[in-house]
Structure formats: structure tokens, C-alpha cells
C-alpha atoms as a PDB file:
ATOM      1  CA  UNK A   1      22.783 267.123 229.258  1.00  0.00           C
ATOM      2  CA  UNK A   2      23.367 270.443 227.437  1.00  0.00           C
ATOM      3  CA  UNK A   3      21.930 273.602 228.279  1.00  0.00           C
ATOM      4  CA  UNK A   4      19.479 275.410 226.327  1.00  0.00           C
ATOM      5  CA  UNK A   5      20.278 279.290 224.909  1.00  0.00           C
ATOM      6  CA  UNK A   6      18.061 281.330 223.005  1.00  0.00           C
ATOM      7  CA  UNK A   7      19.476 284.046 220.547  1.00  0.00           C
ATOM      8  CA  UNK A   8      17.431 287.644 220.939  1.00  0.00           C
ATOM      9  CA  UNK A   9      15.986 286.473 217.499  1.00  0.00           C
ATOM     10  CA  UNK A  10      14.750 283.350 218.567  1.00  0.00           C
ATOM     11  CA  UNK A  11      12.831 285.201 221.542  1.00  0.00           C
ATOM     12  CA  UNK A  12      11.489 287.844 219.365  1.00  0.00           C
ATOM     13  CA  UNK A  13      10.226 284.946 217.239  1.00  0.00           C
ATOM     14  CA  UNK A  14       8.670 283.112 219.742  1.00  0.00           C
ATOM     15  CA  UNK A  15       6.719 286.056 221.487  1.00  0.00           C
ATOM     16  CA  UNK A  16       5.672 287.299 218.178  1.00  0.00           C
ATOM     17  CA  UNK A  17       4.007 283.671 217.829  1.00  0.00           C
ATOM     18  CA  UNK A  18       2.702 284.026 221.226  1.00  0.00           C
ATOM     19  CA  UNK A  19       1.211 287.047 220.566  1.00  0.00           C
ATOM     20  CA  UNK A  20      -0.214 286.339 217.266  1.00  0.00           C
ATOM     21  CA  UNK A  21      -1.824 283.184 218.326  1.00  0.00           C
ATOM     22  CA  UNK A  22      -2.959 284.394 221.697  1.00  0.00           C
ATOM     23  CA  UNK A  23      -5.272 287.036 219.719  1.00  0.00           C
ATOM     24  CA  UNK A  24      -7.481 284.315 219.086  1.00  0.00           C
ATOM     25  CA  UNK A  25      -6.689 281.016 221.324  1.00  0.00           C
ATOM     26  CA  UNK A  26      -4.410 282.095 224.339  1.00  0.00           C
ATOM     27  CA  UNK A  27      -4.697 277.989 225.141  1.00  0.00           C
ATOM     28  CA  UNK A  28      -3.277 277.177 221.479  1.00  0.00           C
ATOM     29  CA  UNK A  29      -0.424 279.723 222.266  1.00  0.00           C
ATOM     30  CA  UNK A  30       0.432 278.015 225.054  1.00  0.00           C
ATOM     31  CA  UNK A  31       0.065 274.549 223.751  1.00  0.00           C
ATOM     32  CA  UNK A  32       2.852 275.532 220.825  1.00  0.00           C
ATOM     33  CA  UNK A  33       5.045 276.844 223.267  1.00  0.00           C
ATOM     34  CA  UNK A  34       4.890 273.743 225.187  1.00  0.00           C
ATOM     35  CA  UNK A  35       5.441 271.808 222.249  1.00  0.00           C
ATOM     36  CA  UNK A  36       8.237 273.882 221.007  1.00  0.00           C
ATOM     37  CA  UNK A  37      10.029 273.680 224.450  1.00  0.00           C
ATOM     38  CA  UNK A  38       9.591 269.858 224.700  1.00  0.00           C
ATOM     39  CA  UNK A  39      11.310 269.234 221.178  1.00  0.00           C
ATOM     40  CA  UNK A  40      13.993 271.475 222.117  1.00  0.00           C
ATOM     41  CA  UNK A  41      14.507 270.175 225.718  1.00  0.00           C
ATOM     42  CA  UNK A  42      15.002 266.466 223.608  1.00  0.00           C
ATOM     43  CA  UNK A  43      17.435 268.338 221.586  1.00  0.00           C
ATOM     44  CA  UNK A  44      19.284 268.993 224.808  1.00  0.00           C
ATOM     45  CA  UNK A  45      19.614 265.092 225.534  1.00  0.00           C
ATOM     46  CA  UNK A  46      19.963 264.482 221.772  1.00  0.00           C
ATOM     47  CA  UNK A  47      21.702 267.117 219.882  1.00  0.00           C
ATOM     48  CA  UNK A  48      21.540 265.261 216.572  1.00  0.00           C
ATOM     49  CA  UNK A  49      17.883 264.735 216.617  1.00  0.00           C
ATOM     50  CA  UNK A  50      16.878 267.529 214.398  1.00  0.00           C
ATOM     51  CA  UNK A  51      17.982 267.268 210.377  1.00  0.00           C
ATOM     52  CA  UNK A  52      20.512 269.320 208.792  1.00  0.00           C
ATOM     53  CA  UNK A  53      19.011 272.637 207.493  1.00  0.00           C
ATOM     54  CA  UNK A  54      20.021 272.453 204.048  1.00  0.00           C
ATOM     55  CA  UNK A  55      19.128 276.448 203.340  1.00  0.00           C
ATOM     56  CA  UNK A  56      21.347 277.723 206.359  1.00  0.00           C
ATOM     57  CA  UNK A  57      24.887 278.879 205.729  1.00  0.00           C
ATOM     58  CA  UNK A  58      26.257 276.943 208.374  1.00  0.00           C
ATOM     59  CA  UNK A  59      26.643 273.209 208.083  1.00  0.00           C
ATOM     60  CA  UNK A  60      26.013 272.967 211.914  1.00  0.00           C
ATOM     61  CA  UNK A  61      22.517 274.342 211.857  1.00  0.00           C
ATOM     62  CA  UNK A  62      20.012 271.854 212.229  1.00  0.00           C
ATOM     63  CA  UNK A  63      15.994 272.084 212.372  1.00  0.00           C
ATOM     64  CA  UNK A  64      13.382 270.561 214.358  1.00  0.00           C
ATOM     65  CA  UNK A  65       9.809 270.835 212.963  1.00  0.00           C
ATOM     66  CA  UNK A  66       6.873 271.795 215.223  1.00  0.00           C
ATOM     67  CA  UNK A  67       3.989 271.945 212.790  1.00  0.00           C
ATOM     68  CA  UNK A  68       3.807 274.650 211.329  1.00  0.00           C
ATOM     69  CA  UNK A  69       6.983 275.897 212.797  1.00  0.00           C
ATOM     70  CA  UNK A  70      10.315 275.105 211.986  1.00  0.00           C
ATOM     71  CA  UNK A  71      12.870 275.469 214.904  1.00  0.00           C
ATOM     72  CA  UNK A  72      16.634 276.151 213.972  1.00  0.00           C
ATOM     73  CA  UNK A  73      19.323 275.648 216.462  1.00  0.00           C
ATOM     74  CA  UNK A  74      23.136 274.399 216.658  1.00  0.00           C
ATOM     75  CA  UNK A  75      25.078 272.518 219.320  1.00  0.00           C
ATOM     76  CA  UNK A  76      27.362 275.301 220.503  1.00  0.00           C
ATOM     77  CA  UNK A  77      30.176 275.702 223.248  1.00  0.00           C
ATOM     78  CA  UNK A  78      28.094 272.655 225.186  1.00  0.00           C
ATOM     79  CA  UNK A  79      24.728 273.899 224.780  1.00  0.00           C
ATOM     80  CA  UNK A  80      21.834 274.073 222.043  1.00  0.00           C
ATOM     81  CA  UNK A  81      21.480 277.575 220.891  1.00  0.00           C
ATOM     82  CA  UNK A  82      18.294 278.295 219.377  1.00  0.00           C
ATOM     83  CA  UNK A  83      18.723 280.426 216.221  1.00  0.00           C
ATOM     84  CA  UNK A  84      15.255 281.168 214.736  1.00  0.00           C
ATOM     85  CA  UNK A  85      11.353 279.990 214.719  1.00  0.00           C
ATOM     86  CA  UNK A  86       9.643 280.810 211.671  1.00  0.00           C
ATOM     87  CA  UNK A  87       6.472 279.432 210.162  1.00  0.00           C
ATOM     88  CA  UNK A  88       6.906 276.708 207.534  1.00  0.00           C
ATOM     89  CA  UNK A  89       5.483 279.232 204.653  1.00  0.00           C
ATOM     90  CA  UNK A  90       8.116 282.291 205.719  1.00  0.00           C
ATOM     91  CA  UNK A  91      11.763 282.245 204.395  1.00  0.00           C
ATOM     92  CA  UNK A  92      14.736 281.458 206.615  1.00  0.00           C
ATOM     93  CA  UNK A  93      15.936 284.516 208.309  1.00  0.00           C
ATOM     94  CA  UNK A  94      19.048 285.947 206.152  1.00  0.00           C
ATOM     95  CA  UNK A  95      21.236 285.588 209.154  1.00  0.00           C
ATOM     96  CA  UNK A  96      20.924 282.595 211.052  1.00  0.00           C
END
């Protein structure tokens, strides 16, 4: 199984999500993080599970949808590298 690596950007995105949701519901914030982590663990076992991210400049970038978020990752050097987590209504970050 591949290891999971987080970029600084992805960590900042996840922290922002937790902070935003946690204001009104810490329990729901924890639930969102758990769902994201579970999907990423599945991607470690099956890297092709995510669909290709058509708007990403790198063809190896894939995405998982964990409603309402899009989790962008790529397989890199034997690991799954989490690139970004954005709300489905947001634009993709410029530098994935």
C-alpha cells in the first residue's frame, strides 16, 4: 500500500475547512475530516479510484468527491500526494 503525503496547501485547506465548519458544528467538522481521510486511504490502496481532473494542468492529477469537497491528489514516488481540497463551488487553485 502507498503512503499518504500532504502538501502544505492541502493541510491549510483542511485546516480552513475544519475551522469554518467547527464554528457551528465541531461534530460535523470531525465527520468531514474522517470521510476525507477514509477516501484517501482507499486511494492509497487503489490510486486509480479517483477520476482524472480535467482542469488540472498535470494529467496525473485525479480527484475524489467527498461532498461538497473535491480532493485533488496524484500518485508520486510510490505515495499518494494530496494536492488540494476545495469546495465544489470554488475554482481550482492555480498551482496544483
